Amino acid sequence: MQVSGRSLARQPWRDLPVEVATVLRPRLDSIALEMIEVIRQQVRGYRRPLDSPFGHDLVAAVRRALHQFVELIENPDGSQRENVVFFRGLGRTEFRAGRSMDLLQAAYRVGARVACHRYVEIARAAALPTDTVLLLSEAVLAHINALAEESVQGFADAESQSTGQRSRQRRALAERLLDRDPDPAFSLEPLAAQAEWTLPRNIACLTMRKPTNGDSSLLAGLDDSVLVLPRGGELHLLLPEPDTTGLLGELTAALRGRVAVLGPTVPLRKAWLSMNCARLVLRLGKRGLVDLTGLVSATEHLGNALLLLAHDQIGDVLPERTLGSLTTLASGKAQRLEETLEALLSSWGRSAPEVASTLGIHPQTARNRLRQLDELLGDRLTDPTFRFEAEVVLRTRALLRSAQDSSPTGHR
């Protein structure tokens, strides 16, 4: 008998004489009725009306198993494709009904006991040799084990298919949540229901580099409420209500030293914003501009790193537009004037002594620098737009210098 493309190591029915099938076949219907009754008595979950869909399946399974056994004795090499499909289907039915395989396997065991008892009686009544009777019992057990294996495989296939489908639905939901410009007519509720995920009011995105070398230990330990979305070389985890559910504590323990950035908690429809903030901090960390150690909160870097350093193109254009007049000066002099300008901009109407105190220089030195700035920038020093842009540029440069000074190599 071929089972799932595999041959059983032992197929005792091959050694049974065809005479056994001849004496068993006329008694199969009565044995089936007895087997069904005993199963319903001894397997609690099978005590259902025989005229129900469940009862029809039970009757069909018992009859098919008994007739298949006789057919195997008569023709061991006959095709069993339909039987394999049927008994795998029993396993899939158990899974879809929300039952475990325990009940079905218990039914198989009860059925095997009834079959062995009745077959032995019939064989002895027919005066079959003792060796044949013993081999018949062995063959019944081997046959029932083969059927049980098929049902277990069907159960596992259905479970795997369901898990795969659920994973695809949860990934599709995560994709939709992280869509920056979703269709306003699209509702999240049906997709969330399919993914078996409760829509929260608030959410946060934790972003990390995708684990390598098949390391799936983090994912295996994740709470079921966390949605996972791999993108490129990154892994995004969507955390519902992270500030109140205790997820952060569990994730911190599960990360075990991995570098990860937690985006800010935002309303559900702004999940993309939390992801973007986390990704920007991760990118700045790769450039050495943000310290990435363990679980990093993007919220702590919103005011400086994200606002000032994340947008490289603007950072390249704005200094020339704002402070271009200082670029003609020697580097040392330009830097001193930039420091003076920053001290001046940090407060309206700051006097020379106040600037000197901030920089730790002599008041007369501060007056000289302020006079030079006035000559270079003139009325722009009182323009609010200029003052804002200049302060952005100067703070950005200060952050870059700080990152460069703390770098092990001393440069970016």
Protein backbone atom coordinates (compact mmCIF):
# COMPACT_ATOMS: atom_id res chain seq x y z
CA MET A 1 0.00 0.00 0.00
CA GLN A 2 1.42 3.37 -1.01
CA VAL A 3 0.86 6.02 1.63
CA SER A 4 1.74 9.63 0.83
CA GLY A 5 4.25 8.38 -1.72
CA ARG A 6 5.94 6.26 0.97
CA SER A 7 5.80 2.48 1.38
CA LEU A 8 5.24 1.20 4.87
CA ALA A 9 8.27 -0.71 6.07
CA ARG A 10 5.95 -3.57 6.93
CA GLN A 11 2.79 -4.43 4.95
CA PRO A 12 1.48 -7.61 6.60
CA TRP A 13 -1.61 -7.81 4.38
CA ARG A 14 0.64 -8.83 1.49
CA ASP A 15 1.28 -12.16 3.26
CA LEU A 16 -2.39 -12.90 3.89
CA PRO A 17 -4.07 -15.43 1.56
CA VAL A 18 -6.89 -14.11 -0.61
CA GLU A 19 -9.12 -16.56 1.26
CA VAL A 20 -9.12 -14.11 4.19
CA ALA A 21 -10.75 -11.44 2.03
CA THR A 22 -13.29 -13.98 0.87
CA VAL A 23 -14.46 -14.81 4.40
CA LEU A 24 -14.40 -11.16 5.62
CA ARG A 25 -16.22 -9.40 2.77
CA PRO A 26 -19.76 -10.76 3.51
CA ARG A 27 -19.50 -9.57 7.15
CA LEU A 28 -18.21 -6.00 6.50
CA ASP A 29 -21.58 -4.25 6.79
CA SER A 30 -22.37 -5.78 10.20
CA ILE A 31 -18.84 -5.03 11.43
CA ALA A 32 -19.22 -1.43 10.26
CA LEU A 33 -22.43 -0.99 12.27
CA GLU A 34 -20.80 -2.40 15.37
CA MET A 35 -17.68 -0.28 14.94
CA ILE A 36 -19.72 2.90 14.52
CA GLU A 37 -21.73 2.18 17.64
CA VAL A 38 -18.67 1.43 19.78
CA ILE A 39 -16.86 4.52 18.57
CA ARG A 40 -19.85 6.71 19.43
CA GLN A 41 -20.02 5.12 22.88
CA GLN A 42 -16.33 5.36 23.77
CA VAL A 43 -15.25 8.58 22.04
CA ARG A 44 -17.15 11.40 23.74
CA GLY A 45 -16.72 13.90 20.91
CA TYR A 46 -18.28 11.49 18.43
CA ARG A 47 -21.65 11.18 20.19
CA ARG A 48 -23.57 13.01 17.49
CA PRO A 49 -26.60 12.06 15.38
CA LEU A 50 -25.78 9.83 12.43
CA ASP A 51 -28.02 11.91 10.17
CA SER A 52 -25.81 14.98 10.75
CA PRO A 53 -22.90 15.91 8.44
CA PHE A 54 -20.55 14.65 11.14
CA GLY A 55 -22.44 11.34 11.33
CA HIS A 56 -22.33 10.92 7.56
CA ASP A 57 -18.55 11.41 7.61
CA LEU A 58 -18.15 8.84 10.38
CA VAL A 59 -20.20 6.21 8.56
CA ALA A 60 -18.37 6.85 5.28
CA ALA A 61 -14.95 6.63 6.98
CA VAL A 62 -15.69 3.33 8.72
CA ARG A 63 -17.12 1.68 5.61
CA ARG A 64 -14.24 2.90 3.44
CA ALA A 65 -11.60 1.67 5.91
CA LEU A 66 -13.12 -1.81 6.12
CA HIS A 67 -13.50 -2.22 2.36
CA GLN A 68 -10.02 -0.84 1.69
CA PHE A 69 -8.49 -3.43 4.01
CA VAL A 70 -10.14 -6.28 2.11
CA GLU A 71 -9.05 -4.74 -1.21
CA LEU A 72 -5.44 -4.59 0.01
CA ILE A 73 -5.53 -8.30 0.77
CA GLU A 74 -6.92 -9.05 -2.70
CA ASN A 75 -4.69 -6.60 -4.60
CA PRO A 76 -1.84 -5.14 -2.51
CA ASP A 77 -0.50 -3.14 -5.47
CA GLY A 78 -3.81 -1.56 -6.48
CA SER A 79 -4.10 2.24 -6.57
CA GLN A 80 -4.99 3.79 -3.23
CA ARG A 81 -5.05 7.39 -4.45
CA GLU A 82 -8.75 7.97 -3.71
CA ASN A 83 -8.41 6.48 -0.24
CA VAL A 84 -5.40 8.61 0.58
CA VAL A 85 -7.32 11.73 -0.49
CA PHE A 86 -10.31 10.68 1.60
CA PHE A 87 -8.45 9.99 4.84
CA ARG A 88 -6.34 13.12 4.52
CA GLY A 89 -9.62 14.94 4.09
CA LEU A 90 -10.74 13.64 7.47
CA GLY A 91 -7.73 15.31 9.06
CA ARG A 92 -8.46 18.59 7.28
CA THR A 93 -12.08 18.40 8.43
CA GLU A 94 -10.98 18.00 12.05
CA PHE A 95 -8.79 21.09 11.81
CA ARG A 96 -11.45 23.23 10.13
CA ALA A 97 -13.99 22.16 12.74
CA GLY A 98 -11.66 23.44 15.46
CA ARG A 99 -11.00 19.98 16.90
CA SER A 100 -7.63 18.43 17.67
CA MET A 101 -6.43 15.17 16.15
CA ASP A 102 -6.85 13.45 19.53
CA LEU A 103 -10.49 12.56 18.93
CA LEU A 104 -9.90 11.14 15.46
CA GLN A 105 -6.92 9.10 16.63
CA ALA A 106 -9.00 7.78 19.54
CA ALA A 107 -11.66 6.72 17.03
CA TYR A 108 -9.01 4.93 14.98
CA ARG A 109 -7.83 3.02 18.06
CA VAL A 110 -11.35 1.98 19.04
CA GLY A 111 -12.05 0.91 15.46
CA ALA A 112 -8.87 -1.16 15.36
CA ARG A 113 -9.87 -3.03 18.55
CA VAL A 114 -13.32 -3.83 17.18
CA ALA A 115 -11.90 -4.94 13.80
CA CYS A 116 -9.26 -7.18 15.42
CA HIS A 117 -11.80 -8.84 17.68
CA ARG A 118 -14.38 -9.48 14.97
CA TYR A 119 -11.84 -10.51 12.29
CA VAL A 120 -10.23 -13.06 14.60
CA GLU A 121 -13.67 -14.55 15.39
CA ILE A 122 -14.49 -14.84 11.70
CA ALA A 123 -11.10 -16.32 10.81
CA ARG A 124 -11.32 -18.94 13.55
CA ALA A 125 -14.88 -19.81 12.55
CA ALA A 126 -13.60 -20.39 9.03
CA ALA A 127 -10.91 -22.71 10.44
CA LEU A 128 -8.07 -20.58 9.07
CA PRO A 129 -4.56 -21.51 10.30
CA THR A 130 -3.35 -19.95 13.57
CA ASP A 131 -0.44 -18.21 11.80
CA THR A 132 -2.94 -16.55 9.45
CA VAL A 133 -5.09 -15.39 12.36
CA LEU A 134 -2.07 -13.79 14.09
CA LEU A 135 -0.93 -12.16 10.87
CA LEU A 136 -4.46 -10.83 10.34
CA SER A 137 -4.35 -8.99 13.68
CA GLU A 138 -0.96 -7.50 12.80
CA ALA A 139 -2.26 -6.42 9.41
CA VAL A 140 -5.29 -4.65 10.92
CA LEU A 141 -3.07 -2.59 13.27
CA ALA A 142 -0.64 -1.69 10.47
CA HIS A 143 -3.55 -0.63 8.25
CA ILE A 144 -5.14 1.56 10.93
CA ASN A 145 -1.76 3.19 11.63
CA ALA A 146 -1.41 3.99 7.94
CA LEU A 147 -4.86 5.61 7.86
CA ALA A 148 -4.08 7.61 10.98
CA GLU A 149 -0.85 8.88 9.39
CA GLU A 150 -2.80 10.12 6.38
CA SER A 151 -5.26 11.97 8.59
CA VAL A 152 -2.45 13.51 10.63
CA GLN A 153 -0.84 14.69 7.40
CA GLY A 154 -4.15 16.19 6.24
CA PHE A 155 -4.54 17.96 9.59
CA ALA A 156 -0.99 19.34 9.35
CA ASP A 157 -1.53 20.47 5.75
CA ALA A 158 -4.70 22.34 6.70
CA GLU A 159 -3.00 23.91 9.69
CA SER A 160 -0.03 25.02 7.58
CA GLN A 161 -2.29 26.40 4.87
CA SER A 162 -4.33 28.30 7.43
CA THR A 163 -1.20 29.69 9.08
CA GLY A 164 0.21 30.73 5.71
CA GLN A 165 -3.03 32.39 4.70
CA ARG A 166 -3.27 34.20 8.03
CA SER A 167 0.33 35.37 7.68
CA ARG A 168 -0.42 36.73 4.22
CA GLN A 169 -3.51 38.53 5.50
CA ARG A 170 -1.59 40.05 8.42
CA ARG A 171 1.18 41.16 6.09
CA ALA A 172 -1.39 42.75 3.75
CA LEU A 173 -2.89 44.58 6.73
CA ALA A 174 0.54 45.84 7.79
CA GLU A 175 1.20 47.05 4.24
CA ARG A 176 -2.10 48.92 4.27
CA LEU A 177 -1.42 50.50 7.65
CA LEU A 178 1.99 51.74 6.49
CA ASP A 179 0.60 53.19 3.26
CA ARG A 180 1.10 56.95 3.44
CA ASP A 181 -1.63 57.76 0.92
CA PRO A 182 -4.32 55.08 1.31
CA ASP A 183 -7.57 55.14 -0.58
CA PRO A 184 -9.92 57.10 1.73
CA ALA A 185 -12.80 54.82 0.71
CA PHE A 186 -10.93 51.72 1.86
CA SER A 187 -11.93 50.35 5.26
CA LEU A 188 -9.45 48.59 7.51
CA GLU A 189 -12.10 46.62 9.38
CA PRO A 190 -12.61 43.74 6.87
CA LEU A 191 -8.87 43.25 6.41
CA ALA A 192 -8.31 43.29 10.16
CA ALA A 193 -11.09 40.74 10.66
CA GLN A 194 -9.52 38.39 8.09
CA ALA A 195 -6.15 38.77 9.81
CA GLU A 196 -7.75 38.15 13.23
CA TRP A 197 -6.29 41.44 14.51
CA THR A 198 -8.07 43.99 16.69
CA LEU A 199 -7.71 47.55 15.43
CA PRO A 200 -6.18 49.77 18.18
CA ARG A 201 -6.56 53.52 18.60
CA ASN A 202 -2.79 54.10 18.68
CA ILE A 203 0.20 52.30 17.26
CA ALA A 204 3.99 52.49 17.05
CA CYS A 205 6.46 51.00 14.61
CA LEU A 206 9.66 49.34 15.74
CA THR A 207 12.23 49.09 12.94
CA MET A 208 15.36 46.98 12.91
CA ARG A 209 17.73 45.37 10.48
CA LYS A 210 16.34 42.07 9.27
CA PRO A 211 17.79 39.16 11.27
CA THR A 212 20.42 37.21 9.33
CA ASN A 213 21.55 33.60 9.20
CA GLY A 214 18.02 32.32 9.64
CA ASP A 215 17.75 33.82 13.13
CA SER A 216 14.02 33.64 13.76
CA SER A 217 14.11 33.46 17.56
CA LEU A 218 12.81 37.03 17.92
CA LEU A 219 9.82 36.42 15.65
CA ALA A 220 9.04 33.12 17.33
CA GLY A 221 8.64 34.84 20.68
CA LEU A 222 6.52 37.78 19.50
CA ASP A 223 3.12 38.46 20.98
CA ASP A 224 0.32 37.59 18.54
CA SER A 225 -0.88 41.21 18.54
CA VAL A 226 2.33 42.36 16.81
CA LEU A 227 2.16 42.67 13.02
CA VAL A 228 5.43 41.90 11.20
CA LEU A 229 6.40 43.32 7.80
CA PRO A 230 9.78 42.62 6.16
CA ARG A 231 10.87 45.28 3.65
CA GLY A 232 14.22 45.10 1.93
CA GLY A 233 16.86 44.70 4.60
CA GLU A 234 14.59 45.97 7.37
CA LEU A 235 11.98 44.43 9.61
CA HIS A 236 9.05 46.53 10.82
CA LEU A 237 7.02 45.51 13.87
CA LEU A 238 3.68 47.26 14.39
CA LEU A 239 2.87 47.46 18.11
CA PRO A 240 -0.73 48.25 19.13
CA GLU A 241 -1.07 50.52 22.18
CA PRO A 242 2.61 50.06 23.13
CA ASP A 243 2.40 52.46 26.07
CA THR A 244 -0.26 50.46 27.91
CA THR A 245 -0.01 46.81 26.85
CA GLY A 246 3.43 45.92 28.19
CA LEU A 247 4.70 45.02 24.71
CA LEU A 248 7.77 47.22 25.05
CA GLY A 249 9.03 45.35 28.08
CA GLU A 250 8.59 42.01 26.32
CA LEU A 251 10.32 43.26 23.17
CA THR A 252 13.23 44.77 25.08
CA ALA A 253 13.88 41.37 26.63
CA ALA A 254 13.39 39.56 23.30
CA LEU A 255 15.76 41.86 21.39
CA ARG A 256 18.74 40.66 23.43
CA GLY A 257 21.21 43.27 22.21
CA ARG A 258 19.82 43.73 18.69
CA VAL A 259 19.76 47.31 17.43
CA ALA A 260 16.20 48.55 16.98
CA VAL A 261 14.49 51.95 16.80
CA LEU A 262 11.02 52.57 18.19
CA GLY A 263 9.01 55.21 16.35
CA PRO A 264 6.66 57.54 18.23
CA THR A 265 3.20 56.35 19.24
CA VAL A 266 0.71 57.81 16.76
CA PRO A 267 -2.97 57.40 15.79
CA LEU A 268 -3.61 54.21 13.81
CA ARG A 269 -3.92 55.98 10.45
CA LYS A 270 -0.50 57.62 11.00
CA ALA A 271 1.41 54.35 11.37
CA TRP A 272 3.52 55.30 8.33
CA LEU A 273 4.81 58.37 10.22
CA SER A 274 6.03 56.26 13.14
CA MET A 275 7.82 53.96 10.69
CA ASN A 276 9.43 56.89 8.85
CA CYS A 277 10.77 58.37 12.08
CA ALA A 278 12.21 55.00 13.13
CA ARG A 279 13.81 54.48 9.72
CA LEU A 280 15.37 57.95 9.72
CA VAL A 281 16.96 57.42 13.13
CA LEU A 282 18.24 54.02 11.98
CA ARG A 283 19.75 55.64 8.89
CA LEU A 284 21.37 58.39 10.93
CA GLY A 285 22.79 55.73 13.22
CA LYS A 286 24.47 54.04 10.27
CA ARG A 287 26.15 57.39 9.52
CA GLY A 288 27.35 57.68 13.10
CA LEU A 289 25.10 60.66 13.86
CA VAL A 290 22.96 58.85 16.43
CA ASP A 291 24.08 56.35 19.05
CA LEU A 292 22.38 53.06 18.28
CA THR A 293 22.64 50.85 21.33
CA GLY A 294 19.85 48.40 22.10
CA LEU A 295 16.32 49.76 21.80
CA VAL A 296 16.46 53.43 20.74
CA SER A 297 13.47 55.77 21.02
CA ALA A 298 13.02 57.94 17.93
CA THR A 299 10.99 60.37 20.04
CA GLU A 300 14.14 61.43 21.88
CA HIS A 301 15.66 62.56 18.58
CA LEU A 302 12.69 64.32 17.00
CA GLY A 303 13.84 67.84 17.84
CA ASN A 304 17.45 67.58 16.71
CA ALA A 305 18.53 64.59 14.68
CA LEU A 306 15.33 63.99 12.71
CA LEU A 307 14.43 67.61 12.06
CA LEU A 308 17.93 68.87 11.34
CA LEU A 309 19.91 65.93 9.99
CA ALA A 310 17.49 63.65 8.21
CA HIS A 311 17.03 65.67 5.04
CA ASP A 312 20.44 65.73 3.42
CA GLN A 313 19.48 67.69 0.31
CA ILE A 314 18.07 70.62 2.29
CA GLY A 315 21.08 70.52 4.59
CA ASP A 316 23.38 70.87 1.58
CA VAL A 317 21.55 73.84 0.04
CA LEU A 318 20.50 75.89 3.07
CA PRO A 319 23.99 76.80 4.42
CA GLU A 320 25.10 78.35 1.13
CA ARG A 321 21.84 80.27 0.78
CA THR A 322 21.88 81.52 4.37
CA LEU A 323 25.54 81.97 5.31
CA GLY A 324 27.16 82.26 1.89
CA SER A 325 28.84 85.53 2.82
CA LEU A 326 30.91 83.75 5.45
CA THR A 327 32.32 81.22 3.00
CA THR A 328 34.78 83.76 1.58
CA LEU A 329 36.53 84.02 4.94
CA ALA A 330 39.34 81.89 6.24
CA SER A 331 38.00 78.70 7.88
CA GLY A 332 39.10 79.65 11.39
CA LYS A 333 37.62 83.12 11.19
CA ALA A 334 34.40 81.79 9.64
CA GLN A 335 33.98 79.26 12.45
CA ARG A 336 34.52 81.93 15.11
CA LEU A 337 31.92 84.17 13.52
CA GLU A 338 29.49 81.25 13.23
CA GLU A 339 29.85 80.58 16.94
CA THR A 340 29.28 84.25 17.68
CA LEU A 341 26.24 84.35 15.42
CA GLU A 342 24.77 81.30 17.15
CA ALA A 343 25.23 82.93 20.54
CA LEU A 344 23.61 86.09 19.23
CA LEU A 345 20.64 84.26 17.69
CA SER A 346 19.85 82.32 20.83
CA SER A 347 18.33 85.50 22.29
CA TRP A 348 16.94 88.69 20.74
CA GLY A 349 18.89 91.85 21.46
CA ARG A 350 21.78 90.11 23.16
CA SER A 351 24.58 92.53 24.12
CA ALA A 352 28.27 92.08 23.50
CA PRO A 353 29.00 91.23 27.17
CA GLU A 354 26.24 88.58 27.08
CA VAL A 355 27.68 87.04 23.91
CA ALA A 356 31.14 87.16 25.47
CA SER A 357 29.87 85.37 28.59
CA THR A 358 28.20 82.66 26.49
CA LEU A 359 31.37 82.02 24.46
CA GLY A 360 33.84 82.54 27.29
CA ILE A 361 35.69 85.34 25.49
CA HIS A 362 36.58 88.97 26.28
CA PRO A 363 33.73 91.49 25.71
CA GLN A 364 35.91 93.51 23.34
CA THR A 365 36.54 90.37 21.25
CA ALA A 366 32.78 89.82 21.15
CA ARG A 367 32.27 93.44 19.99
CA ASN A 368 34.77 93.00 17.17
CA ARG A 369 33.06 89.81 15.98
CA LEU A 370 29.61 91.36 16.18
CA ARG A 371 30.83 94.32 14.12
CA GLN A 372 32.16 91.93 11.47
CA LEU A 373 28.85 90.08 11.37
CA ASP A 374 27.04 93.38 10.96
CA GLU A 375 29.31 94.26 8.04
CA LEU A 376 28.77 90.86 6.39
CA LEU A 377 25.06 90.35 7.06
CA GLY A 378 23.68 93.85 7.66
CA ASP A 379 19.91 94.11 7.99
CA ARG A 380 19.50 90.35 7.61
CA LEU A 381 20.38 90.00 11.28
CA THR A 382 16.95 91.47 12.14
CA ASP A 383 15.04 89.37 9.57
CA PRO A 384 13.07 86.60 11.42
CA THR A 385 13.27 84.25 8.41
CA PHE A 386 17.02 84.62 8.18
CA ARG A 387 17.47 84.20 11.90
CA PHE A 388 15.43 80.96 11.85
CA GLU A 389 17.28 79.48 8.86
CA ALA A 390 20.65 80.51 10.23
CA GLU A 391 19.93 78.89 13.59
CA VAL A 392 18.87 75.68 11.81
CA VAL A 393 22.13 75.63 9.86
CA LEU A 394 24.29 76.37 12.91
CA ARG A 395 22.58 73.75 15.09
CA THR A 396 22.92 71.20 12.32
CA ARG A 397 26.62 71.88 12.03
CA ALA A 398 27.01 71.63 15.79
CA LEU A 399 25.33 68.21 15.76
CA LEU A 400 27.59 67.04 12.94
CA ARG A 401 30.70 68.25 14.77
CA SER A 402 29.56 66.49 17.94
CA ALA A 403 29.02 63.24 16.02
CA GLN A 404 32.42 63.61 14.37
CA ASP A 405 34.18 64.25 17.69
CA SER A 406 32.54 61.17 19.29
CA SER A 407 33.35 58.89 16.33
CA PRO A 408 36.13 56.36 17.02
CA THR A 409 37.88 57.44 13.80
CA GLY A 410 37.32 61.13 14.38
CA HIS A 411 35.47 61.67 11.09
CA ARG A 412 32.23 60.67 9.40
